[in-house]
Amino acid sequence: MSENGNSAGWIGTFGAIVAALIAAAATLAPRFKNHPHPTAGSAVMGPLEPGVNRQGMDFDAYGSSAPNAQLCPEACRTNGDCKAMTYVESLKSCWLKKGVPGPAAPGGPDYVSALKQP
């Protein structure tokens, strides 16, 4: 108890405020559950394009290491700035794209690409 004897009153008031905030949140939550905020996580990638090299428009000059082609589309899907990707099998590298370059030569079994769906 504090020196002036007001601790119990302060704790009671604080508890009432917390209870009111929880009740307000419970009332508002159903209004928003059917209106999800669009996020990169809700994006969808198109089908994999085996043998397609989409060269250029890379995020950087180095790509990123990825042990398999399935991880590269997921990296693109969850990145809000990514529009497409190309995975290079022999280098185990994933190239995220800030645009959608057309297919480029050389293509072949070393490449897998995909586009993010609008």
N, C-alpha and C. Protein backbone atom coordinates (compact mmCIF):
# COMPACT_ATOMS: atom_id res chain seq x y z
N MET A 1 0.84 -1.17 0.00
CA MET A 1 0.00 0.00 0.00
C MET A 1 0.89 1.24 0.00
N SER A 2 0.47 2.27 -0.71
CA SER A 2 1.27 3.48 -0.76
C SER A 2 1.09 4.29 0.51
N GLU A 3 1.90 5.30 0.63
CA GLU A 3 1.87 6.12 1.83
C GLU A 3 0.54 6.83 2.00
N ASN A 4 -0.12 7.16 0.90
CA ASN A 4 -1.39 7.90 1.03
C ASN A 4 -2.61 6.98 1.00
N GLY A 5 -2.42 5.66 0.86
CA GLY A 5 -3.53 4.72 0.93
C GLY A 5 -4.36 4.61 -0.34
N ASN A 6 -3.86 5.10 -1.48
CA ASN A 6 -4.64 5.09 -2.72
C ASN A 6 -4.29 3.94 -3.66
N SER A 7 -3.45 3.02 -3.28
CA SER A 7 -3.04 1.93 -4.17
C SER A 7 -4.22 1.09 -4.60
N ALA A 8 -5.09 0.73 -3.71
CA ALA A 8 -6.23 -0.12 -4.04
C ALA A 8 -7.14 0.59 -5.04
N GLY A 9 -7.34 1.87 -4.88
CA GLY A 9 -8.17 2.63 -5.81
C GLY A 9 -7.57 2.71 -7.20
N TRP A 10 -6.26 2.92 -7.25
CA TRP A 10 -5.56 3.01 -8.53
C TRP A 10 -5.60 1.67 -9.26
N ILE A 11 -5.38 0.58 -8.55
CA ILE A 11 -5.39 -0.75 -9.14
C ILE A 11 -6.79 -1.08 -9.66
N GLY A 12 -7.80 -0.72 -8.92
CA GLY A 12 -9.18 -0.96 -9.36
C GLY A 12 -9.50 -0.19 -10.63
N THR A 13 -9.08 1.06 -10.70
CA THR A 13 -9.32 1.89 -11.89
C THR A 13 -8.56 1.32 -13.09
N PHE A 14 -7.30 0.93 -12.88
CA PHE A 14 -6.51 0.35 -13.95
C PHE A 14 -7.15 -0.93 -14.47
N GLY A 15 -7.63 -1.78 -13.58
CA GLY A 15 -8.30 -3.02 -13.97
C GLY A 15 -9.54 -2.75 -14.79
N ALA A 16 -10.30 -1.73 -14.41
CA ALA A 16 -11.52 -1.38 -15.15
C ALA A 16 -11.17 -0.90 -16.56
N ILE A 17 -10.11 -0.14 -16.69
CA ILE A 17 -9.68 0.35 -18.01
C ILE A 17 -9.26 -0.82 -18.89
N VAL A 18 -8.48 -1.73 -18.35
CA VAL A 18 -8.04 -2.90 -19.12
C VAL A 18 -9.24 -3.73 -19.56
N ALA A 19 -10.19 -3.95 -18.67
CA ALA A 19 -11.39 -4.73 -19.01
C ALA A 19 -12.18 -4.04 -20.12
N ALA A 20 -12.27 -2.71 -20.08
CA ALA A 20 -12.99 -1.97 -21.12
C ALA A 20 -12.29 -2.09 -22.47
N LEU A 21 -10.96 -2.04 -22.48
CA LEU A 21 -10.20 -2.19 -23.72
C LEU A 21 -10.38 -3.59 -24.31
N ILE A 22 -10.36 -4.59 -23.48
CA ILE A 22 -10.56 -5.98 -23.96
C ILE A 22 -11.95 -6.14 -24.54
N ALA A 23 -12.96 -5.58 -23.89
CA ALA A 23 -14.34 -5.66 -24.39
C ALA A 23 -14.46 -4.94 -25.73
N ALA A 24 -13.82 -3.78 -25.86
CA ALA A 24 -13.88 -3.03 -27.12
C ALA A 24 -13.21 -3.81 -28.24
N ALA A 25 -12.07 -4.43 -27.96
CA ALA A 25 -11.37 -5.22 -28.98
C ALA A 25 -12.21 -6.40 -29.43
N ALA A 26 -12.89 -7.05 -28.50
CA ALA A 26 -13.75 -8.19 -28.85
C ALA A 26 -14.92 -7.74 -29.71
N THR A 27 -15.40 -6.53 -29.50
CA THR A 27 -16.52 -6.01 -30.29
C THR A 27 -16.08 -5.65 -31.70
N LEU A 28 -14.87 -5.10 -31.85
CA LEU A 28 -14.38 -4.66 -33.15
C LEU A 28 -13.82 -5.78 -34.00
N ALA A 29 -13.27 -6.80 -33.39
CA ALA A 29 -12.60 -7.87 -34.14
C ALA A 29 -13.47 -8.50 -35.22
N PRO A 30 -14.74 -8.84 -34.96
CA PRO A 30 -15.53 -9.47 -36.03
C PRO A 30 -15.73 -8.57 -37.25
N ARG A 31 -15.66 -7.27 -37.10
CA ARG A 31 -15.83 -6.36 -38.23
C ARG A 31 -14.71 -6.51 -39.24
N PHE A 32 -13.53 -6.87 -38.79
CA PHE A 32 -12.36 -6.91 -39.65
C PHE A 32 -11.97 -8.29 -40.13
N LYS A 33 -12.53 -9.34 -39.56
CA LYS A 33 -12.06 -10.67 -39.92
C LYS A 33 -12.36 -11.06 -41.36
N ASN A 34 -13.40 -10.49 -41.98
CA ASN A 34 -13.72 -10.80 -43.36
C ASN A 34 -13.07 -9.84 -44.35
N HIS A 35 -12.22 -8.96 -43.86
CA HIS A 35 -11.54 -7.99 -44.71
C HIS A 35 -10.04 -8.07 -44.47
N PRO A 36 -9.41 -9.14 -44.94
CA PRO A 36 -7.98 -9.29 -44.68
C PRO A 36 -7.18 -8.20 -45.36
N HIS A 37 -6.14 -7.78 -44.69
CA HIS A 37 -5.24 -6.80 -45.26
C HIS A 37 -4.37 -7.50 -46.29
N PRO A 38 -4.32 -6.98 -47.53
CA PRO A 38 -3.48 -7.65 -48.52
C PRO A 38 -2.01 -7.55 -48.14
N THR A 39 -1.34 -8.69 -48.16
CA THR A 39 0.08 -8.71 -47.83
C THR A 39 0.80 -9.54 -48.87
N ALA A 40 2.10 -9.44 -48.89
CA ALA A 40 2.89 -10.26 -49.80
C ALA A 40 2.66 -11.73 -49.52
N GLY A 41 2.40 -12.06 -48.26
CA GLY A 41 2.17 -13.45 -47.89
C GLY A 41 0.94 -14.05 -48.53
N SER A 42 0.00 -13.21 -48.99
CA SER A 42 -1.21 -13.74 -49.61
C SER A 42 -1.08 -13.83 -51.13
N ALA A 43 0.06 -13.45 -51.67
CA ALA A 43 0.28 -13.52 -53.11
C ALA A 43 0.36 -14.98 -53.56
N VAL A 44 0.18 -15.18 -54.86
CA VAL A 44 0.21 -16.53 -55.43
C VAL A 44 1.19 -16.53 -56.60
N MET A 45 2.00 -17.56 -56.65
CA MET A 45 2.92 -17.72 -57.78
C MET A 45 2.25 -18.57 -58.85
N GLY A 46 2.58 -18.26 -60.08
CA GLY A 46 2.10 -19.08 -61.19
C GLY A 46 2.87 -20.38 -61.23
N PRO A 47 2.56 -21.23 -62.20
CA PRO A 47 3.23 -22.53 -62.28
C PRO A 47 4.71 -22.36 -62.61
N LEU A 48 5.51 -23.34 -62.18
CA LEU A 48 6.92 -23.33 -62.53
C LEU A 48 7.07 -23.48 -64.03
N GLU A 49 8.06 -22.80 -64.59
CA GLU A 49 8.37 -22.85 -66.02
C GLU A 49 9.72 -23.54 -66.20
N PRO A 50 9.74 -24.87 -66.23
CA PRO A 50 11.01 -25.58 -66.41
C PRO A 50 11.65 -25.21 -67.74
N GLY A 51 12.97 -25.02 -67.73
CA GLY A 51 13.69 -24.71 -68.95
C GLY A 51 13.65 -23.25 -69.36
N VAL A 52 13.02 -22.38 -68.56
CA VAL A 52 12.90 -20.96 -68.91
C VAL A 52 13.84 -20.12 -68.05
N ASN A 53 14.65 -19.32 -68.72
CA ASN A 53 15.55 -18.37 -68.07
C ASN A 53 14.98 -16.98 -68.27
N ARG A 54 14.52 -16.34 -67.22
CA ARG A 54 14.05 -14.95 -67.28
C ARG A 54 15.20 -14.08 -66.78
N GLN A 55 16.02 -13.66 -67.72
CA GLN A 55 17.25 -12.96 -67.37
C GLN A 55 17.03 -11.46 -67.27
N GLY A 56 17.62 -10.83 -66.22
CA GLY A 56 17.54 -9.39 -66.04
C GLY A 56 16.54 -9.00 -64.98
N MET A 57 16.51 -7.71 -64.66
CA MET A 57 15.61 -7.12 -63.66
C MET A 57 15.80 -7.74 -62.28
N ASP A 58 17.02 -8.22 -61.99
CA ASP A 58 17.31 -8.86 -60.71
C ASP A 58 17.36 -7.84 -59.57
N PHE A 59 17.02 -8.29 -58.37
CA PHE A 59 17.14 -7.44 -57.18
C PHE A 59 18.58 -7.01 -56.96
N ASP A 60 19.53 -7.93 -57.24
CA ASP A 60 20.94 -7.62 -57.02
C ASP A 60 21.79 -8.42 -58.02
N ALA A 61 23.07 -8.20 -57.98
CA ALA A 61 23.98 -8.84 -58.94
C ALA A 61 24.47 -10.21 -58.50
N TYR A 62 23.99 -10.70 -57.35
CA TYR A 62 24.53 -11.94 -56.81
C TYR A 62 23.52 -13.06 -56.62
N GLY A 63 22.24 -12.78 -56.63
CA GLY A 63 21.25 -13.80 -56.34
C GLY A 63 21.38 -14.26 -54.90
N SER A 64 20.66 -15.31 -54.56
CA SER A 64 20.77 -15.86 -53.21
C SER A 64 20.82 -17.37 -53.30
N SER A 65 21.48 -17.96 -52.35
CA SER A 65 21.65 -19.41 -52.32
C SER A 65 20.34 -20.08 -51.93
N ALA A 66 20.00 -21.15 -52.63
CA ALA A 66 18.80 -21.94 -52.31
C ALA A 66 19.08 -23.39 -52.67
N PRO A 67 18.81 -24.32 -51.77
CA PRO A 67 19.16 -25.72 -52.04
C PRO A 67 18.31 -26.38 -53.11
N ASN A 68 17.12 -25.81 -53.40
CA ASN A 68 16.29 -26.43 -54.44
C ASN A 68 15.36 -25.39 -55.08
N ALA A 69 14.82 -25.76 -56.23
CA ALA A 69 13.99 -24.83 -57.02
C ALA A 69 12.67 -24.48 -56.34
N GLN A 70 12.18 -25.29 -55.43
CA GLN A 70 10.89 -25.03 -54.79
C GLN A 70 10.96 -23.87 -53.79
N LEU A 71 12.14 -23.59 -53.24
CA LEU A 71 12.27 -22.50 -52.28
C LEU A 71 12.28 -21.12 -52.94
N CYS A 72 12.70 -21.05 -54.17
CA CYS A 72 12.81 -19.77 -54.87
C CYS A 72 11.43 -19.13 -55.11
N PRO A 73 10.43 -19.84 -55.61
CA PRO A 73 9.12 -19.21 -55.77
C PRO A 73 8.52 -18.75 -54.43
N GLU A 74 8.80 -19.49 -53.38
CA GLU A 74 8.29 -19.10 -52.06
C GLU A 74 8.94 -17.80 -51.61
N ALA A 75 10.23 -17.64 -51.89
CA ALA A 75 10.92 -16.39 -51.55
C ALA A 75 10.32 -15.22 -52.32
N CYS A 76 9.97 -15.44 -53.56
CA CYS A 76 9.34 -14.40 -54.37
C CYS A 76 7.93 -14.11 -53.87
N ARG A 77 7.17 -15.16 -53.60
CA ARG A 77 5.78 -14.99 -53.17
C ARG A 77 5.67 -14.14 -51.91
N THR A 78 6.61 -14.30 -51.00
CA THR A 78 6.53 -13.60 -49.73
C THR A 78 7.24 -12.24 -49.74
N ASN A 79 7.81 -11.85 -50.87
CA ASN A 79 8.47 -10.56 -50.99
C ASN A 79 7.56 -9.63 -51.79
N GLY A 80 7.11 -8.56 -51.17
CA GLY A 80 6.18 -7.64 -51.81
C GLY A 80 6.70 -6.98 -53.07
N ASP A 81 8.02 -6.88 -53.24
CA ASP A 81 8.60 -6.23 -54.41
C ASP A 81 8.90 -7.19 -55.55
N CYS A 82 8.83 -8.48 -55.30
CA CYS A 82 9.19 -9.48 -56.31
C CYS A 82 8.04 -9.70 -57.29
N LYS A 83 8.38 -9.73 -58.59
CA LYS A 83 7.39 -9.95 -59.65
C LYS A 83 7.59 -11.28 -60.36
N ALA A 84 8.82 -11.81 -60.30
CA ALA A 84 9.15 -13.07 -60.98
C ALA A 84 10.44 -13.61 -60.36
N MET A 85 10.79 -14.85 -60.74
CA MET A 85 12.02 -15.45 -60.23
C MET A 85 12.55 -16.45 -61.24
N THR A 86 13.86 -16.66 -61.16
CA THR A 86 14.52 -17.72 -61.92
C THR A 86 15.48 -18.43 -60.99
N TYR A 87 15.43 -19.75 -61.00
CA TYR A 87 16.35 -20.58 -60.22
C TYR A 87 17.33 -21.23 -61.19
N VAL A 88 18.63 -21.17 -60.85
CA VAL A 88 19.67 -21.79 -61.67
C VAL A 88 20.17 -23.02 -60.91
N GLU A 89 19.81 -24.17 -61.43
CA GLU A 89 20.10 -25.44 -60.75
C GLU A 89 21.59 -25.66 -60.52
N SER A 90 22.43 -25.46 -61.52
CA SER A 90 23.86 -25.74 -61.39
C SER A 90 24.54 -24.84 -60.35
N LEU A 91 24.01 -23.66 -60.13
CA LEU A 91 24.58 -22.72 -59.16
C LEU A 91 23.85 -22.75 -57.82
N LYS A 92 22.71 -23.47 -57.78
CA LYS A 92 21.86 -23.48 -56.59
C LYS A 92 21.56 -22.04 -56.15
N SER A 93 21.19 -21.22 -57.14
CA SER A 93 20.95 -19.80 -56.85
C SER A 93 19.57 -19.36 -57.32
N CYS A 94 19.00 -18.48 -56.53
CA CYS A 94 17.66 -17.95 -56.76
C CYS A 94 17.80 -16.47 -57.11
N TRP A 95 17.17 -16.09 -58.21
CA TRP A 95 17.24 -14.71 -58.68
C TRP A 95 15.84 -14.11 -58.64
N LEU A 96 15.59 -13.25 -57.66
CA LEU A 96 14.30 -12.56 -57.57
C LEU A 96 14.33 -11.37 -58.51
N LYS A 97 13.19 -11.11 -59.14
CA LYS A 97 13.09 -10.07 -60.17
C LYS A 97 12.16 -8.95 -59.72
N LYS A 98 12.57 -7.71 -59.98
CA LYS A 98 11.71 -6.56 -59.66
C LYS A 98 10.78 -6.21 -60.81
N GLY A 99 10.89 -6.93 -61.90
CA GLY A 99 10.02 -6.80 -63.06
C GLY A 99 9.79 -8.17 -63.64
N VAL A 100 9.21 -8.22 -64.84
CA VAL A 100 8.93 -9.49 -65.50
C VAL A 100 9.66 -9.53 -66.84
N PRO A 101 10.92 -9.97 -66.83
CA PRO A 101 11.64 -10.08 -68.11
C PRO A 101 11.10 -11.24 -68.94
N GLY A 102 11.18 -11.10 -70.23
CA GLY A 102 10.77 -12.19 -71.11
C GLY A 102 11.77 -13.33 -71.05
N PRO A 103 11.37 -14.50 -71.53
CA PRO A 103 12.30 -15.64 -71.58
C PRO A 103 13.52 -15.28 -72.43
N ALA A 104 14.69 -15.68 -71.97
CA ALA A 104 15.94 -15.35 -72.68
C ALA A 104 16.73 -16.62 -72.96
N ALA A 105 17.55 -16.55 -73.98
CA ALA A 105 18.47 -17.64 -74.25
C ALA A 105 19.69 -17.43 -73.37
N PRO A 106 20.36 -18.41 -72.86
CA PRO A 106 20.01 -19.81 -73.08
C PRO A 106 18.98 -20.28 -72.07
N GLY A 107 18.08 -21.07 -72.52
CA GLY A 107 17.15 -21.77 -71.63
C GLY A 107 17.72 -23.15 -71.39
N GLY A 108 16.90 -24.07 -70.99
CA GLY A 108 17.38 -25.43 -70.83
C GLY A 108 17.13 -25.96 -69.43
N PRO A 109 17.54 -27.19 -69.19
CA PRO A 109 17.21 -27.87 -67.94
C PRO A 109 17.85 -27.25 -66.70
N ASP A 110 18.79 -26.32 -66.87
CA ASP A 110 19.44 -25.69 -65.73
C ASP A 110 18.57 -24.58 -65.09
N TYR A 111 17.48 -24.19 -65.77
CA TYR A 111 16.68 -23.06 -65.33
C TYR A 111 15.25 -23.45 -65.00
N VAL A 112 14.71 -22.78 -63.99
CA VAL A 112 13.28 -22.88 -63.64
C VAL A 112 12.84 -21.47 -63.28
N SER A 113 11.76 -21.01 -63.87
CA SER A 113 11.25 -19.67 -63.57
C SER A 113 9.79 -19.74 -63.15
N ALA A 114 9.29 -18.63 -62.63
CA ALA A 114 7.87 -18.50 -62.30
C ALA A 114 7.54 -17.03 -62.17
N LEU A 115 6.28 -16.70 -62.39
CA LEU A 115 5.78 -15.33 -62.29
C LEU A 115 4.80 -15.23 -61.14
N LYS A 116 4.84 -14.09 -60.45
CA LYS A 116 3.84 -13.85 -59.42
C LYS A 116 2.55 -13.46 -60.12
N GLN A 117 1.44 -14.01 -59.67
CA GLN A 117 0.14 -13.72 -60.26
C GLN A 117 -0.37 -12.38 -59.73
N PRO A 118 -1.02 -11.60 -60.62
CA PRO A 118 -1.56 -10.29 -60.18
C PRO A 118 -2.70 -10.45 -59.21
